[in-house]
Amino acid sequence: MIKNSKNSKSYVLIALAVLLMSMAGVSSARAEEMTDYPVVKLQSLDKSTARTMTFEARVGSTIKFGPLYIKVDACRKSSPLDSPENASFLQIWEVTKKEEAHWIFSGWMVSSSPALSAMDHPIYDVWVLDCLETKTAKGAAKADVKSSNEAEIPDDKLDDIAETLGD
């Protein structure tokens, strides 16, 4: 129990001053600047076969991976002078064999902490590896990963899915 005395009041004032100074230091610290990149490098895991695959997608595109559709809305990377960080805003939904669409994930995925904002699916995992300037030859779409043009997803079909999902 703290008695009401000059010493206890001075301790409280000192603690308050230290707290305010530390908060001022946090607000004046330079925030990490993130730069937008046009391509995201993703990795996937099929839990049923334990196979992983690395692939790339352009920002603004929708790619198909098995029954999943992955729409890449942004990819940002920190400055090389800051601690390395990549983040991508992804919207992922699954279209079942009955043509029913279900949201799986919508949000930012961060490469340094994949568990921080993870996709929750019983069979598939997808996570961000890097943000790139251009697609690499190795990252070209493979047989089971198709870009939106190759997957032939008509805009009206994407609109129908978005309406079904409540977008």
N, C-alpha and C. Protein backbone atom coordinates (compact mmCIF):
# COMPACT_ATOMS: atom_id res chain seq x y z
N MET A 1 0.84 -1.19 0.00
CA MET A 1 0.00 0.00 0.00
C MET A 1 0.88 1.24 0.00
N ILE A 2 0.56 2.19 -0.84
CA ILE A 2 1.34 3.42 -0.95
C ILE A 2 0.71 4.48 -0.06
N LYS A 3 1.53 5.06 0.81
CA LYS A 3 1.05 6.13 1.69
C LYS A 3 1.04 7.44 0.91
N ASN A 4 0.18 8.32 1.30
CA ASN A 4 0.08 9.62 0.65
C ASN A 4 1.16 10.53 1.22
N SER A 5 2.29 10.54 0.57
CA SER A 5 3.39 11.39 1.03
C SER A 5 4.05 12.02 -0.17
N LYS A 6 4.98 12.95 0.12
CA LYS A 6 5.69 13.63 -0.96
C LYS A 6 6.51 12.64 -1.77
N ASN A 7 7.14 11.64 -1.10
CA ASN A 7 7.97 10.66 -1.81
C ASN A 7 7.15 9.80 -2.76
N SER A 8 5.99 9.33 -2.32
CA SER A 8 5.18 8.48 -3.20
C SER A 8 4.66 9.28 -4.38
N LYS A 9 4.32 10.55 -4.17
CA LYS A 9 3.86 11.39 -5.28
C LYS A 9 5.00 11.63 -6.27
N SER A 10 6.19 11.81 -5.76
CA SER A 10 7.32 12.05 -6.67
C SER A 10 7.64 10.79 -7.47
N TYR A 11 7.50 9.61 -6.86
CA TYR A 11 7.71 8.37 -7.60
C TYR A 11 6.70 8.21 -8.73
N VAL A 12 5.45 8.56 -8.44
CA VAL A 12 4.41 8.47 -9.45
C VAL A 12 4.69 9.46 -10.58
N LEU A 13 5.12 10.67 -10.25
CA LEU A 13 5.44 11.67 -11.27
C LEU A 13 6.63 11.23 -12.12
N ILE A 14 7.64 10.64 -11.48
CA ILE A 14 8.81 10.15 -12.22
C ILE A 14 8.39 9.02 -13.17
N ALA A 15 7.59 8.09 -12.68
CA ALA A 15 7.12 6.97 -13.51
C ALA A 15 6.30 7.49 -14.68
N LEU A 16 5.45 8.48 -14.43
CA LEU A 16 4.64 9.07 -15.50
C LEU A 16 5.53 9.77 -16.53
N ALA A 17 6.56 10.47 -16.08
CA ALA A 17 7.47 11.16 -16.99
C ALA A 17 8.23 10.15 -17.85
N VAL A 18 8.69 9.05 -17.24
CA VAL A 18 9.40 8.01 -17.99
C VAL A 18 8.47 7.39 -19.03
N LEU A 19 7.24 7.13 -18.66
CA LEU A 19 6.27 6.56 -19.59
C LEU A 19 6.03 7.50 -20.77
N LEU A 20 5.83 8.78 -20.49
CA LEU A 20 5.60 9.75 -21.56
C LEU A 20 6.80 9.89 -22.48
N MET A 21 8.02 9.87 -21.89
CA MET A 21 9.22 9.96 -22.73
C MET A 21 9.37 8.74 -23.61
N SER A 22 9.06 7.57 -23.07
CA SER A 22 9.18 6.36 -23.89
C SER A 22 8.15 6.36 -25.01
N MET A 23 6.95 6.85 -24.74
CA MET A 23 5.93 6.94 -25.78
C MET A 23 6.33 7.93 -26.85
N ALA A 24 6.95 9.04 -26.46
CA ALA A 24 7.40 10.04 -27.43
C ALA A 24 8.50 9.45 -28.30
N GLY A 25 9.35 8.63 -27.74
CA GLY A 25 10.42 7.98 -28.51
C GLY A 25 9.86 7.02 -29.53
N VAL A 26 8.81 6.31 -29.18
CA VAL A 26 8.18 5.37 -30.10
C VAL A 26 7.53 6.11 -31.26
N SER A 27 6.84 7.20 -30.96
CA SER A 27 6.14 7.91 -32.03
C SER A 27 7.10 8.64 -32.95
N SER A 28 8.27 9.04 -32.42
CA SER A 28 9.20 9.76 -33.28
C SER A 28 10.10 8.82 -34.07
N ALA A 29 10.10 7.53 -33.74
CA ALA A 29 10.92 6.57 -34.48
C ALA A 29 10.40 6.47 -35.91
N ARG A 30 11.32 6.36 -36.85
CA ARG A 30 10.93 6.27 -38.26
C ARG A 30 10.24 4.94 -38.52
N ALA A 31 9.05 5.02 -39.06
CA ALA A 31 8.32 3.79 -39.40
C ALA A 31 8.98 3.13 -40.60
N GLU A 32 8.99 1.82 -40.61
CA GLU A 32 9.54 1.10 -41.76
C GLU A 32 8.73 1.42 -42.99
N GLU A 33 9.43 1.82 -44.03
CA GLU A 33 8.76 2.11 -45.29
C GLU A 33 8.71 0.85 -46.12
N MET A 34 7.55 0.58 -46.65
CA MET A 34 7.36 -0.60 -47.49
C MET A 34 7.15 -0.12 -48.93
N THR A 35 7.76 -0.86 -49.86
CA THR A 35 7.66 -0.54 -51.29
C THR A 35 6.77 -1.57 -51.97
N ASP A 36 5.88 -1.10 -52.83
CA ASP A 36 5.01 -2.01 -53.58
C ASP A 36 5.81 -2.71 -54.67
N TYR A 37 5.54 -3.99 -54.85
CA TYR A 37 6.16 -4.80 -55.88
C TYR A 37 5.06 -5.45 -56.72
N PRO A 38 5.33 -5.72 -58.00
CA PRO A 38 4.27 -6.25 -58.88
C PRO A 38 4.07 -7.77 -58.83
N VAL A 39 4.98 -8.52 -58.18
CA VAL A 39 4.88 -9.98 -58.19
C VAL A 39 5.10 -10.51 -56.77
N VAL A 40 4.30 -11.49 -56.40
CA VAL A 40 4.48 -12.17 -55.11
C VAL A 40 4.95 -13.60 -55.37
N LYS A 41 5.86 -14.06 -54.55
CA LYS A 41 6.33 -15.45 -54.61
C LYS A 41 5.69 -16.18 -53.43
N LEU A 42 4.92 -17.21 -53.75
CA LEU A 42 4.18 -17.97 -52.75
C LEU A 42 4.68 -19.40 -52.69
N GLN A 43 4.44 -20.03 -51.56
CA GLN A 43 4.72 -21.46 -51.45
C GLN A 43 3.45 -22.12 -50.92
N SER A 44 3.21 -23.32 -51.40
CA SER A 44 2.02 -24.04 -50.98
C SER A 44 2.40 -25.43 -50.48
N LEU A 45 1.53 -25.96 -49.67
CA LEU A 45 1.70 -27.32 -49.15
C LEU A 45 0.39 -28.06 -49.32
N ASP A 46 0.44 -29.22 -49.94
CA ASP A 46 -0.70 -30.13 -50.00
C ASP A 46 -0.47 -31.12 -48.87
N LYS A 47 -1.24 -31.00 -47.80
CA LYS A 47 -1.03 -31.82 -46.61
C LYS A 47 -1.33 -33.30 -46.85
N SER A 48 -2.18 -33.59 -47.83
CA SER A 48 -2.53 -34.99 -48.08
C SER A 48 -1.39 -35.75 -48.77
N THR A 49 -0.58 -35.04 -49.56
CA THR A 49 0.54 -35.70 -50.26
C THR A 49 1.90 -35.24 -49.74
N ALA A 50 1.91 -34.22 -48.87
CA ALA A 50 3.13 -33.64 -48.31
C ALA A 50 4.01 -33.01 -49.40
N ARG A 51 3.41 -32.59 -50.50
CA ARG A 51 4.16 -31.94 -51.58
C ARG A 51 4.07 -30.43 -51.44
N THR A 52 5.22 -29.79 -51.62
CA THR A 52 5.25 -28.34 -51.62
C THR A 52 5.50 -27.85 -53.04
N MET A 53 5.05 -26.64 -53.30
CA MET A 53 5.25 -26.04 -54.60
C MET A 53 5.47 -24.55 -54.41
N THR A 54 6.41 -24.00 -55.15
CA THR A 54 6.66 -22.57 -55.14
C THR A 54 6.18 -21.99 -56.46
N PHE A 55 5.44 -20.90 -56.40
CA PHE A 55 4.93 -20.27 -57.62
C PHE A 55 4.82 -18.78 -57.42
N GLU A 56 4.68 -18.06 -58.52
CA GLU A 56 4.60 -16.60 -58.49
C GLU A 56 3.31 -16.14 -59.14
N ALA A 57 2.83 -14.97 -58.68
CA ALA A 57 1.61 -14.40 -59.23
C ALA A 57 1.74 -12.89 -59.27
N ARG A 58 1.19 -12.29 -60.30
CA ARG A 58 1.21 -10.83 -60.42
C ARG A 58 0.13 -10.21 -59.53
N VAL A 59 0.44 -9.05 -58.99
CA VAL A 59 -0.54 -8.30 -58.20
C VAL A 59 -1.71 -7.96 -59.12
N GLY A 60 -2.91 -8.17 -58.63
CA GLY A 60 -4.12 -7.92 -59.42
C GLY A 60 -4.64 -9.16 -60.11
N SER A 61 -3.86 -10.23 -60.13
CA SER A 61 -4.30 -11.45 -60.82
C SER A 61 -4.96 -12.41 -59.82
N THR A 62 -5.69 -13.35 -60.38
CA THR A 62 -6.28 -14.43 -59.60
C THR A 62 -5.73 -15.72 -60.18
N ILE A 63 -5.15 -16.55 -59.33
CA ILE A 63 -4.60 -17.82 -59.79
C ILE A 63 -5.37 -18.96 -59.15
N LYS A 64 -5.35 -20.09 -59.81
CA LYS A 64 -6.04 -21.28 -59.33
C LYS A 64 -5.01 -22.30 -58.89
N PHE A 65 -5.18 -22.82 -57.68
CA PHE A 65 -4.32 -23.87 -57.15
C PHE A 65 -5.24 -24.96 -56.61
N GLY A 66 -5.39 -26.04 -57.36
CA GLY A 66 -6.35 -27.08 -56.98
C GLY A 66 -7.73 -26.45 -56.95
N PRO A 67 -8.48 -26.64 -55.86
CA PRO A 67 -9.81 -26.02 -55.76
C PRO A 67 -9.76 -24.60 -55.21
N LEU A 68 -8.55 -24.09 -54.92
CA LEU A 68 -8.41 -22.76 -54.34
C LEU A 68 -8.18 -21.71 -55.42
N TYR A 69 -8.76 -20.56 -55.21
CA TYR A 69 -8.51 -19.39 -56.04
C TYR A 69 -7.83 -18.36 -55.15
N ILE A 70 -6.70 -17.83 -55.61
CA ILE A 70 -5.91 -16.89 -54.83
C ILE A 70 -5.84 -15.58 -55.60
N LYS A 71 -6.42 -14.53 -55.02
CA LYS A 71 -6.37 -13.20 -55.64
C LYS A 71 -5.32 -12.40 -54.89
N VAL A 72 -4.34 -11.88 -55.63
CA VAL A 72 -3.25 -11.10 -55.04
C VAL A 72 -3.61 -9.62 -55.20
N ASP A 73 -3.80 -8.93 -54.08
CA ASP A 73 -4.18 -7.52 -54.13
C ASP A 73 -3.00 -6.58 -53.93
N ALA A 74 -1.95 -7.05 -53.24
CA ALA A 74 -0.78 -6.19 -53.00
C ALA A 74 0.39 -7.05 -52.56
N CYS A 75 1.60 -6.54 -52.80
CA CYS A 75 2.81 -7.17 -52.29
C CYS A 75 3.77 -6.05 -51.93
N ARG A 76 4.21 -6.03 -50.69
CA ARG A 76 5.07 -4.95 -50.21
C ARG A 76 6.30 -5.54 -49.52
N LYS A 77 7.40 -4.83 -49.70
CA LYS A 77 8.68 -5.29 -49.16
C LYS A 77 9.36 -4.12 -48.46
N SER A 78 10.03 -4.42 -47.34
CA SER A 78 10.73 -3.37 -46.61
C SER A 78 12.01 -2.99 -47.32
N SER A 79 12.54 -1.86 -46.93
CA SER A 79 13.79 -1.36 -47.48
C SER A 79 14.92 -2.33 -47.13
N PRO A 80 15.94 -2.47 -48.00
CA PRO A 80 17.06 -3.35 -47.69
C PRO A 80 17.82 -2.93 -46.43
N LEU A 81 17.68 -1.67 -46.01
CA LEU A 81 18.35 -1.19 -44.80
C LEU A 81 17.61 -1.60 -43.53
N ASP A 82 16.33 -1.89 -43.65
CA ASP A 82 15.53 -2.32 -42.50
C ASP A 82 15.58 -3.84 -42.38
N SER A 83 14.98 -4.36 -41.32
CA SER A 83 14.93 -5.81 -41.19
C SER A 83 14.08 -6.37 -42.33
N PRO A 84 14.50 -7.50 -42.92
CA PRO A 84 13.79 -8.01 -44.10
C PRO A 84 12.35 -8.39 -43.78
N GLU A 85 11.45 -7.93 -44.62
CA GLU A 85 10.03 -8.22 -44.42
C GLU A 85 9.30 -8.16 -45.75
N ASN A 86 8.43 -9.11 -45.98
CA ASN A 86 7.56 -9.15 -47.16
C ASN A 86 6.15 -9.37 -46.66
N ALA A 87 5.21 -8.65 -47.24
CA ALA A 87 3.81 -8.81 -46.86
C ALA A 87 2.96 -8.74 -48.11
N SER A 88 1.95 -9.59 -48.17
CA SER A 88 1.06 -9.59 -49.32
C SER A 88 -0.38 -9.69 -48.84
N PHE A 89 -1.24 -8.90 -49.47
CA PHE A 89 -2.67 -8.98 -49.17
C PHE A 89 -3.29 -9.97 -50.14
N LEU A 90 -3.80 -11.07 -49.58
CA LEU A 90 -4.37 -12.15 -50.39
C LEU A 90 -5.82 -12.38 -50.02
N GLN A 91 -6.61 -12.75 -51.02
CA GLN A 91 -7.96 -13.23 -50.79
C GLN A 91 -8.01 -14.63 -51.38
N ILE A 92 -8.37 -15.60 -50.55
CA ILE A 92 -8.36 -17.00 -50.98
C ILE A 92 -9.72 -17.61 -50.70
N TRP A 93 -10.27 -18.24 -51.72
CA TRP A 93 -11.53 -18.95 -51.55
C TRP A 93 -11.44 -20.30 -52.24
N GLU A 94 -12.32 -21.19 -51.82
CA GLU A 94 -12.38 -22.53 -52.38
C GLU A 94 -13.70 -22.70 -53.09
N VAL A 95 -13.64 -23.29 -54.28
CA VAL A 95 -14.86 -23.62 -55.02
C VAL A 95 -14.97 -25.14 -55.00
N THR A 96 -16.04 -25.64 -54.38
CA THR A 96 -16.23 -27.08 -54.23
C THR A 96 -16.71 -27.69 -55.53
N LYS A 97 -16.78 -29.01 -55.57
CA LYS A 97 -17.26 -29.71 -56.77
C LYS A 97 -18.70 -29.35 -57.09
N LYS A 98 -19.45 -28.91 -56.09
CA LYS A 98 -20.84 -28.49 -56.29
C LYS A 98 -20.93 -27.02 -56.70
N GLU A 99 -19.77 -26.42 -57.05
CA GLU A 99 -19.69 -25.01 -57.48
C GLU A 99 -20.08 -24.05 -56.36
N GLU A 100 -19.88 -24.46 -55.10
CA GLU A 100 -20.13 -23.57 -53.97
C GLU A 100 -18.81 -22.92 -53.58
N ALA A 101 -18.84 -21.60 -53.37
CA ALA A 101 -17.63 -20.86 -52.99
C ALA A 101 -17.63 -20.61 -51.48
N HIS A 102 -16.46 -20.79 -50.86
CA HIS A 102 -16.30 -20.57 -49.42
C HIS A 102 -15.02 -19.79 -49.18
N TRP A 103 -15.11 -18.70 -48.39
CA TRP A 103 -13.92 -17.95 -48.03
C TRP A 103 -13.00 -18.82 -47.20
N ILE A 104 -11.73 -18.79 -47.51
CA ILE A 104 -10.72 -19.48 -46.72
C ILE A 104 -9.87 -18.47 -45.96
N PHE A 105 -9.52 -17.37 -46.66
CA PHE A 105 -8.62 -16.38 -46.05
C PHE A 105 -8.79 -15.05 -46.77
N SER A 106 -8.68 -13.98 -46.02
CA SER A 106 -8.63 -12.63 -46.59
C SER A 106 -7.85 -11.76 -45.62
N GLY A 107 -6.68 -11.29 -46.07
CA GLY A 107 -5.88 -10.44 -45.20
C GLY A 107 -4.42 -10.40 -45.61
N TRP A 108 -3.62 -9.79 -44.75
CA TRP A 108 -2.19 -9.67 -45.00
C TRP A 108 -1.48 -10.91 -44.49
N MET A 109 -0.61 -11.46 -45.32
CA MET A 109 0.29 -12.55 -44.90
C MET A 109 1.69 -11.95 -44.86
N VAL A 110 2.41 -12.25 -43.79
CA VAL A 110 3.75 -11.71 -43.57
C VAL A 110 4.76 -12.85 -43.64
N SER A 111 5.80 -12.67 -44.44
CA SER A 111 6.75 -13.77 -44.67
C SER A 111 7.55 -14.15 -43.43
N SER A 112 7.88 -13.18 -42.58
CA SER A 112 8.71 -13.49 -41.42
C SER A 112 7.93 -14.20 -40.31
N SER A 113 6.61 -14.07 -40.33
CA SER A 113 5.77 -14.69 -39.30
C SER A 113 4.55 -15.33 -39.95
N PRO A 114 4.72 -16.47 -40.64
CA PRO A 114 3.58 -17.05 -41.35
C PRO A 114 2.43 -17.46 -40.43
N ALA A 115 2.73 -17.78 -39.18
CA ALA A 115 1.68 -18.19 -38.25
C ALA A 115 0.87 -17.01 -37.73
N LEU A 116 1.40 -15.81 -37.89
CA LEU A 116 0.72 -14.62 -37.40
C LEU A 116 -0.62 -14.42 -38.09
N SER A 117 -0.66 -14.64 -39.37
CA SER A 117 -1.88 -14.50 -40.15
C SER A 117 -1.93 -15.65 -41.15
N ALA A 118 -2.29 -16.80 -40.67
CA ALA A 118 -2.23 -18.02 -41.48
C ALA A 118 -3.59 -18.38 -42.06
N MET A 119 -3.53 -19.04 -43.20
CA MET A 119 -4.73 -19.57 -43.83
C MET A 119 -5.10 -20.87 -43.12
N ASP A 120 -6.37 -21.04 -42.80
CA ASP A 120 -6.81 -22.24 -42.09
C ASP A 120 -7.60 -23.12 -43.05
N HIS A 121 -6.96 -24.19 -43.54
CA HIS A 121 -7.60 -25.12 -44.45
C HIS A 121 -7.12 -26.52 -44.10
N PRO A 122 -7.99 -27.53 -44.12
CA PRO A 122 -7.58 -28.87 -43.72
C PRO A 122 -6.59 -29.55 -44.67
N ILE A 123 -6.55 -29.16 -45.94
CA ILE A 123 -5.69 -29.84 -46.90
C ILE A 123 -4.54 -28.97 -47.40
N TYR A 124 -4.79 -27.66 -47.60
CA TYR A 124 -3.80 -26.80 -48.23
C TYR A 124 -3.29 -25.72 -47.28
N ASP A 125 -2.02 -25.38 -47.42
CA ASP A 125 -1.42 -24.21 -46.78
C ASP A 125 -0.81 -23.36 -47.88
N VAL A 126 -0.89 -22.06 -47.74
CA VAL A 126 -0.25 -21.12 -48.66
C VAL A 126 0.40 -20.05 -47.80
N TRP A 127 1.64 -19.67 -48.14
CA TRP A 127 2.29 -18.59 -47.42
C TRP A 127 3.20 -17.81 -48.35
N VAL A 128 3.53 -16.58 -47.93
CA VAL A 128 4.32 -15.64 -48.72
C VAL A 128 5.80 -15.88 -48.47
N LEU A 129 6.58 -15.91 -49.57
CA LEU A 129 8.03 -16.03 -49.46
C LEU A 129 8.73 -14.70 -49.75
N ASP A 130 8.29 -14.00 -50.82
CA ASP A 130 9.03 -12.82 -51.24
C ASP A 130 8.16 -11.96 -52.15
N CYS A 131 8.56 -10.71 -52.34
CA CYS A 131 7.98 -9.81 -53.32
C CYS A 131 9.06 -9.55 -54.36
N LEU A 132 8.69 -9.60 -55.64
CA LEU A 132 9.66 -9.52 -56.72
C LEU A 132 9.31 -8.43 -57.71
N GLU A 133 10.34 -7.98 -58.45
CA GLU A 133 10.14 -6.99 -59.53
C GLU A 133 9.48 -7.64 -60.75
N THR A 134 9.94 -8.84 -61.11
CA THR A 134 9.40 -9.55 -62.27
C THR A 134 9.31 -11.03 -61.96
N LYS A 135 8.53 -11.73 -62.76
CA LYS A 135 8.45 -13.18 -62.62
C LYS A 135 9.75 -13.79 -63.08
N THR A 136 10.19 -14.85 -62.39
CA THR A 136 11.39 -15.57 -62.79
C THR A 136 11.00 -16.77 -63.63
N ALA A 137 11.95 -17.33 -64.35
CA ALA A 137 11.67 -18.52 -65.17
C ALA A 137 11.26 -19.69 -64.29
N LYS A 138 11.90 -19.81 -63.11
CA LYS A 138 11.56 -20.90 -62.19
C LYS A 138 10.16 -20.75 -61.63
N GLY A 139 9.70 -19.50 -61.49
CA GLY A 139 8.41 -19.26 -60.87
C GLY A 139 7.25 -19.28 -61.84
N ALA A 140 7.51 -19.61 -63.08
CA ALA A 140 6.43 -19.64 -64.07
C ALA A 140 5.36 -20.63 -63.63
N ALA A 141 4.13 -20.36 -64.02
CA ALA A 141 3.01 -21.22 -63.60
C ALA A 141 3.24 -22.65 -64.05
N LYS A 142 2.98 -23.58 -63.12
CA LYS A 142 3.13 -25.01 -63.42
C LYS A 142 1.76 -25.57 -63.78
N ALA A 143 1.72 -26.87 -64.00
CA ALA A 143 0.48 -27.51 -64.48
C ALA A 143 -0.69 -27.31 -63.53
N ASP A 144 -0.47 -27.42 -62.19
CA ASP A 144 -1.61 -27.30 -61.29
C ASP A 144 -1.83 -25.88 -60.78
N VAL A 145 -0.97 -24.93 -61.14
CA VAL A 145 -1.18 -23.55 -60.76
C VAL A 145 -1.33 -22.75 -62.04
N LYS A 146 -2.50 -22.15 -62.20
CA LYS A 146 -2.78 -21.44 -63.44
C LYS A 146 -3.06 -19.98 -63.12
N SER A 147 -2.58 -19.09 -63.98
CA SER A 147 -2.91 -17.68 -63.81
C SER A 147 -4.37 -17.49 -64.18
N SER A 148 -4.90 -16.31 -63.87
CA SER A 148 -6.32 -16.07 -64.15
C SER A 148 -6.63 -16.23 -65.63
N ASN A 149 -5.70 -15.87 -66.52
CA ASN A 149 -5.95 -16.04 -67.95
C ASN A 149 -5.99 -17.52 -68.32
N GLU A 150 -5.05 -18.30 -67.78
CA GLU A 150 -5.02 -19.73 -68.09
C GLU A 150 -6.17 -20.47 -67.45
N ALA A 151 -6.60 -20.01 -66.28
CA ALA A 151 -7.68 -20.69 -65.58
C ALA A 151 -9.03 -20.36 -66.20
N GLU A 152 -9.04 -19.39 -67.10
CA GLU A 152 -10.24 -18.98 -67.80
C GLU A 152 -11.39 -18.71 -66.83
N ILE A 153 -11.13 -17.79 -65.91
CA ILE A 153 -12.15 -17.39 -64.95
C ILE A 153 -12.81 -16.14 -65.51
N PRO A 154 -14.00 -16.26 -66.07
CA PRO A 154 -14.66 -15.08 -66.62
C PRO A 154 -14.98 -14.08 -65.50
N ASP A 155 -14.97 -12.79 -65.84
CA ASP A 155 -15.24 -11.76 -64.85
C ASP A 155 -16.59 -11.94 -64.19
N ASP A 156 -17.60 -12.36 -64.96
CA ASP A 156 -18.92 -12.55 -64.36
C ASP A 156 -18.90 -13.70 -63.35
N LYS A 157 -18.07 -14.71 -63.59
CA LYS A 157 -17.94 -15.82 -62.64
C LYS A 157 -17.28 -15.33 -61.35
N LEU A 158 -16.25 -14.48 -61.47
CA LEU A 158 -15.61 -13.90 -60.29
C LEU A 158 -16.61 -13.02 -59.53
N ASP A 159 -17.46 -12.26 -60.28
CA ASP A 159 -18.47 -11.45 -59.63
C ASP A 159 -19.48 -12.31 -58.89
N ASP A 160 -19.89 -13.44 -59.51
CA ASP A 160 -20.82 -14.37 -58.86
C ASP A 160 -20.21 -14.93 -57.58
N ILE A 161 -18.92 -15.30 -57.66
CA ILE A 161 -18.24 -15.83 -56.48
C ILE A 161 -18.15 -14.77 -55.40
N ALA A 162 -17.82 -13.53 -55.79
CA ALA A 162 -17.72 -12.44 -54.82
C ALA A 162 -19.07 -12.20 -54.15
N GLU A 163 -20.17 -12.25 -54.92
CA GLU A 163 -21.50 -12.08 -54.35
C GLU A 163 -21.82 -13.22 -53.40
N THR A 164 -21.47 -14.45 -53.77
CA THR A 164 -21.72 -15.61 -52.93
C THR A 164 -20.96 -15.47 -51.61
N LEU A 165 -19.74 -14.96 -51.70
CA LEU A 165 -18.91 -14.83 -50.51
C LEU A 165 -19.23 -13.57 -49.70
N GLY A 166 -20.09 -12.73 -50.24
CA GLY A 166 -20.50 -11.53 -49.51
C GLY A 166 -19.52 -10.40 -49.65
N ASP A 167 -18.80 -10.33 -50.75
CA ASP A 167 -17.82 -9.27 -50.97
C ASP A 167 -18.49 -8.00 -51.43
